[in-house]
Amino acid sequence: MKLEEISAAVAPYLPPAVGALMNLPYARSQTPVQRVVSWAVGTAVGLYVGGAVAEWLALGPRATIAAGFLFGAAGYDLMLGLTAAARGFGADPMGSVRGWLSAWLNRSQS
């Protein structure tokens, strides 16, 4: 089986991203492969960073689990945002850079 076939079978069973629940366009328009990879990376971020932060702050077991869920959701949305940014950069590199700079510098695009 190819990666596309596997991800097309698995993607409907993955939970939606927090950004998709808030109707953000970058989280709704994604291929099954992007959704599976983003979910896997978000889960890895939640397991590793959530546990590391909980150990660093000397949190208890319940707070460790909560930190894992929080960082997992943030990692999932971060990957979706990076995917959308890469897609936009591939379509229009200069327009994407101009838009990113305008957003960072608080300027309106003209």
C-alpha atoms as a PDB file:
ATOM      1  CA  MET A   1       0.000   0.000   0.000  1.00  0.00           C
ATOM      2  CA  LYS A   2       1.109   3.531  -0.710  1.00  0.00           C
ATOM      3  CA  LEU A   3       1.285   6.348   1.833  1.00  0.00           C
ATOM      4  CA  GLU A   4      -1.611   8.136   0.123  1.00  0.00           C
ATOM      5  CA  GLU A   5      -3.853   5.060   0.443  1.00  0.00           C
ATOM      6  CA  ILE A   6      -2.956   4.511   4.085  1.00  0.00           C
ATOM      7  CA  SER A   7      -3.432   8.162   5.026  1.00  0.00           C
ATOM      8  CA  ALA A   8      -6.748   8.347   3.141  1.00  0.00           C
ATOM      9  CA  ALA A   9      -7.968   5.401   5.230  1.00  0.00           C
ATOM     10  CA  VAL A  10      -6.664   6.777   8.548  1.00  0.00           C
ATOM     11  CA  ALA A  11      -7.433  10.519   8.189  1.00  0.00           C
ATOM     12  CA  PRO A  12     -11.221  10.323   8.787  1.00  0.00           C
ATOM     13  CA  TYR A  13     -10.600   8.771  12.215  1.00  0.00           C
ATOM     14  CA  LEU A  14      -8.203  11.465  13.461  1.00  0.00           C
ATOM     15  CA  PRO A  15      -9.554  14.191  15.728  1.00  0.00           C
ATOM     16  CA  PRO A  16      -9.926  17.634  14.166  1.00  0.00           C
ATOM     17  CA  ALA A  17      -7.355  20.297  14.909  1.00  0.00           C
ATOM     18  CA  VAL A  18      -8.262  23.114  17.267  1.00  0.00           C
ATOM     19  CA  GLY A  19      -7.920  25.510  14.340  1.00  0.00           C
ATOM     20  CA  ALA A  20     -10.457  23.492  12.321  1.00  0.00           C
ATOM     21  CA  LEU A  21     -12.917  23.761  15.201  1.00  0.00           C
ATOM     22  CA  MET A  22     -12.467  27.554  15.050  1.00  0.00           C
ATOM     23  CA  ASN A  23     -13.020  27.494  11.247  1.00  0.00           C
ATOM     24  CA  LEU A  24      -9.513  28.648  10.354  1.00  0.00           C
ATOM     25  CA  PRO A  25      -8.987  28.041   6.625  1.00  0.00           C
ATOM     26  CA  TYR A  26      -5.477  26.587   6.966  1.00  0.00           C
ATOM     27  CA  ALA A  27      -6.792  23.780   9.149  1.00  0.00           C
ATOM     28  CA  ARG A  28      -9.741  22.870   6.929  1.00  0.00           C
ATOM     29  CA  SER A  29      -7.958  22.662   3.561  1.00  0.00           C
ATOM     30  CA  GLN A  30      -5.452  19.856   3.878  1.00  0.00           C
ATOM     31  CA  THR A  31      -4.775  16.562   2.190  1.00  0.00           C
ATOM     32  CA  PRO A  32      -5.060  13.279   4.110  1.00  0.00           C
ATOM     33  CA  VAL A  33      -1.258  12.893   4.087  1.00  0.00           C
ATOM     34  CA  GLN A  34      -0.803  16.361   5.590  1.00  0.00           C
ATOM     35  CA  ARG A  35      -3.416  15.598   8.234  1.00  0.00           C
ATOM     36  CA  VAL A  36      -1.787  12.296   9.258  1.00  0.00           C
ATOM     37  CA  VAL A  37       1.717  13.783   9.369  1.00  0.00           C
ATOM     38  CA  SER A  38       0.520  16.833  11.322  1.00  0.00           C
ATOM     39  CA  TRP A  39      -1.295  14.615  13.814  1.00  0.00           C
ATOM     40  CA  ALA A  40       1.785  12.401  14.275  1.00  0.00           C
ATOM     41  CA  VAL A  41       4.081  15.385  14.825  1.00  0.00           C
ATOM     42  CA  GLY A  42       1.572  17.041  17.162  1.00  0.00           C
ATOM     43  CA  THR A  43       1.320  13.843  19.200  1.00  0.00           C
ATOM     44  CA  ALA A  44       5.107  13.568  19.416  1.00  0.00           C
ATOM     45  CA  VAL A  45       5.347  17.202  20.524  1.00  0.00           C
ATOM     46  CA  GLY A  46       2.680  16.585  23.164  1.00  0.00           C
ATOM     47  CA  LEU A  47       4.420  13.517  24.528  1.00  0.00           C
ATOM     48  CA  TYR A  48       7.908  14.979  24.581  1.00  0.00           C
ATOM     49  CA  VAL A  49       7.375  18.667  25.379  1.00  0.00           C
ATOM     50  CA  GLY A  50       4.429  18.063  27.709  1.00  0.00           C
ATOM     51  CA  GLY A  51       6.430  15.588  29.758  1.00  0.00           C
ATOM     52  CA  ALA A  52       9.526  17.774  29.734  1.00  0.00           C
ATOM     53  CA  VAL A  53       7.652  20.875  30.889  1.00  0.00           C
ATOM     54  CA  ALA A  54       5.832  18.890  33.570  1.00  0.00           C
ATOM     55  CA  GLU A  55       9.111  17.481  34.857  1.00  0.00           C
ATOM     56  CA  TRP A  56      10.775  20.897  34.755  1.00  0.00           C
ATOM     57  CA  LEU A  57       7.918  22.465  36.744  1.00  0.00           C
ATOM     58  CA  ALA A  58       7.624  19.393  39.036  1.00  0.00           C
ATOM     59  CA  LEU A  59       3.942  18.891  38.222  1.00  0.00           C
ATOM     60  CA  GLY A  60       1.889  15.940  39.345  1.00  0.00           C
ATOM     61  CA  PRO A  61       0.576  13.136  37.124  1.00  0.00           C
ATOM     62  CA  ARG A  62      -2.731  14.822  36.247  1.00  0.00           C
ATOM     63  CA  ALA A  63      -1.060  18.092  35.328  1.00  0.00           C
ATOM     64  CA  THR A  64       1.476  16.157  33.238  1.00  0.00           C
ATOM     65  CA  ILE A  65      -1.333  14.610  31.211  1.00  0.00           C
ATOM     66  CA  ALA A  66      -2.994  18.015  30.804  1.00  0.00           C
ATOM     67  CA  ALA A  67       0.301  19.534  29.633  1.00  0.00           C
ATOM     68  CA  GLY A  68       0.692  16.707  27.120  1.00  0.00           C
ATOM     69  CA  PHE A  69      -2.759  17.369  25.675  1.00  0.00           C
ATOM     70  CA  LEU A  70      -2.157  21.124  25.568  1.00  0.00           C
ATOM     71  CA  PHE A  71       1.204  20.882  23.818  1.00  0.00           C
ATOM     72  CA  GLY A  72      -0.113  18.157  21.498  1.00  0.00           C
ATOM     73  CA  ALA A  73      -2.944  20.404  20.299  1.00  0.00           C
ATOM     74  CA  ALA A  74      -0.542  23.310  19.871  1.00  0.00           C
ATOM     75  CA  GLY A  75       1.904  21.117  17.939  1.00  0.00           C
ATOM     76  CA  TYR A  76      -0.875  19.873  15.655  1.00  0.00           C
ATOM     77  CA  ASP A  77      -1.972  23.414  14.817  1.00  0.00           C
ATOM     78  CA  LEU A  78       1.630  24.549  14.408  1.00  0.00           C
ATOM     79  CA  MET A  79       2.225  21.849  11.803  1.00  0.00           C
ATOM     80  CA  LEU A  80      -0.983  22.776   9.972  1.00  0.00           C
ATOM     81  CA  GLY A  81       0.081  26.420   9.917  1.00  0.00           C
ATOM     82  CA  LEU A  82       3.530  25.534   8.611  1.00  0.00           C
ATOM     83  CA  THR A  83       1.955  23.377   5.901  1.00  0.00           C
ATOM     84  CA  ALA A  84      -0.309  26.247   4.837  1.00  0.00           C
ATOM     85  CA  ALA A  85       2.629  28.673   4.837  1.00  0.00           C
ATOM     86  CA  ALA A  86       4.703  26.294   2.714  1.00  0.00           C
ATOM     87  CA  ARG A  87       1.799  25.846   0.297  1.00  0.00           C
ATOM     88  CA  GLY A  88       1.399  29.620  -0.009  1.00  0.00           C
ATOM     89  CA  PHE A  89       5.127  30.101  -0.488  1.00  0.00           C
ATOM     90  CA  GLY A  90       5.142  27.476  -3.252  1.00  0.00           C
ATOM     91  CA  ALA A  91       2.334  29.237  -5.094  1.00  0.00           C
ATOM     92  CA  ASP A  92       3.592  32.840  -4.733  1.00  0.00           C
ATOM     93  CA  PRO A  93       7.001  33.198  -3.024  1.00  0.00           C
ATOM     94  CA  MET A  94       7.338  36.977  -3.130  1.00  0.00           C
ATOM     95  CA  GLY A  95       3.715  37.609  -2.227  1.00  0.00           C
ATOM     96  CA  SER A  96       4.051  35.267   0.751  1.00  0.00           C
ATOM     97  CA  VAL A  97       7.197  36.973   2.028  1.00  0.00           C
ATOM     98  CA  ARG A  98       5.566  40.391   1.562  1.00  0.00           C
ATOM     99  CA  GLY A  99       2.472  39.207   3.456  1.00  0.00           C
ATOM    100  CA  TRP A 100       4.550  37.725   6.310  1.00  0.00           C
ATOM    101  CA  LEU A 101       6.597  40.919   6.665  1.00  0.00           C
ATOM    102  CA  SER A 102       3.475  43.060   6.603  1.00  0.00           C
ATOM    103  CA  ALA A 103       1.899  40.903   9.308  1.00  0.00           C
ATOM    104  CA  TRP A 104       5.008  41.056  11.509  1.00  0.00           C
ATOM    105  CA  LEU A 105       5.437  44.791  11.028  1.00  0.00           C
ATOM    106  CA  ASN A 106       1.716  45.531  11.526  1.00  0.00           C
ATOM    107  CA  ARG A 107       1.278  47.099   8.093  1.00  0.00           C
ATOM    108  CA  SER A 108      -1.620  46.735   5.711  1.00  0.00           C
ATOM    109  CA  GLN A 109      -0.874  45.083   2.378  1.00  0.00           C
ATOM    110  CA  SER A 110      -1.124  47.293  -0.678  1.00  0.00           C
END
